[in-house]
Amino acid sequence: MRDKRLRSIAKVITWRTVGTLDTVAIAFFFTRSIAVSFSIGGIEVFTKIVLYYFHERLWNIVSWGKTV
């Protein structure tokens, strides 16, 4: 069974929220700057949303590990 595109988009957004908060926390650990940390998080959120969306759609094509 395949996910609909809207479901993939919802998964992208929720996962990226978690991922971006993680990136911001790690960036803050190294930089000790809230502004720099959120700048890094703000940039990567957009690039990784696009990358994850296409990654998810490609995995939908692969039948390995799916059950009917």
Protein backbone atom coordinates (compact mmCIF):
# COMPACT_ATOMS: atom_id res chain seq x y z
CA MET A 1 0.00 0.00 0.00
CA ARG A 2 1.35 3.44 -0.92
CA ASP A 3 1.10 6.64 1.09
CA LYS A 4 -0.75 9.52 -0.49
CA ARG A 5 1.32 12.61 -1.26
CA LEU A 6 -0.39 14.66 1.46
CA ARG A 7 0.55 12.02 4.04
CA SER A 8 4.16 12.15 2.86
CA ILE A 9 4.14 15.93 3.19
CA ALA A 10 2.71 15.71 6.73
CA LYS A 11 5.41 13.20 7.65
CA VAL A 12 8.07 15.49 6.19
CA ILE A 13 6.90 18.48 8.22
CA THR A 14 6.65 16.66 11.55
CA TRP A 15 9.96 14.87 11.10
CA ARG A 16 11.74 18.05 10.04
CA THR A 17 10.41 19.88 13.09
CA VAL A 18 12.04 17.26 15.31
CA GLY A 19 15.19 17.21 13.19
CA THR A 20 15.53 20.98 13.11
CA LEU A 21 15.14 21.28 16.88
CA ASP A 22 17.89 18.70 17.21
CA THR A 23 20.13 20.65 14.80
CA VAL A 24 19.48 23.90 16.69
CA ALA A 25 20.37 22.22 20.00
CA ILE A 26 23.60 20.75 18.59
CA ALA A 27 24.53 24.06 16.94
CA PHE A 28 23.91 25.87 20.23
CA PHE A 29 26.11 23.37 22.06
CA PHE A 30 29.01 24.24 19.75
CA THR A 31 28.40 27.95 19.14
CA ARG A 32 26.67 29.10 22.36
CA SER A 33 24.76 31.52 20.16
CA ILE A 34 20.97 31.34 19.84
CA ALA A 35 21.03 33.51 16.70
CA VAL A 36 23.61 31.35 14.92
CA SER A 37 21.87 28.15 16.05
CA PHE A 38 18.50 29.21 14.67
CA SER A 39 20.14 30.48 11.47
CA ILE A 40 21.67 27.06 10.90
CA GLY A 41 18.36 25.38 11.74
CA GLY A 42 16.44 27.74 9.47
CA ILE A 43 18.61 26.97 6.48
CA GLU A 44 18.69 23.22 6.92
CA VAL A 45 14.94 22.87 7.45
CA PHE A 46 14.20 23.82 3.85
CA THR A 47 16.92 21.73 2.24
CA LYS A 48 16.09 18.65 4.27
CA ILE A 49 12.34 18.90 3.68
CA VAL A 50 12.94 18.69 -0.05
CA LEU A 51 15.47 15.88 0.30
CA TYR A 52 13.24 13.85 2.62
CA TYR A 53 10.16 14.26 0.44
CA PHE A 54 11.94 12.78 -2.58
CA HIS A 55 13.54 10.10 -0.41
CA GLU A 56 10.08 9.10 0.89
CA ARG A 57 8.54 9.06 -2.59
CA LEU A 58 11.37 6.89 -3.92
CA TRP A 59 10.90 4.41 -1.07
CA ASN A 60 7.21 4.20 -1.99
CA ILE A 61 8.28 2.73 -5.32
CA VAL A 62 10.32 -0.03 -3.66
CA SER A 63 8.19 -3.04 -2.77
CA TRP A 64 10.80 -4.61 -0.45
CA GLY A 65 9.51 -4.94 3.12
CA LYS A 66 5.89 -4.02 2.34
CA THR A 67 2.92 -6.16 3.19
CA VAL A 68 -0.43 -6.15 1.47
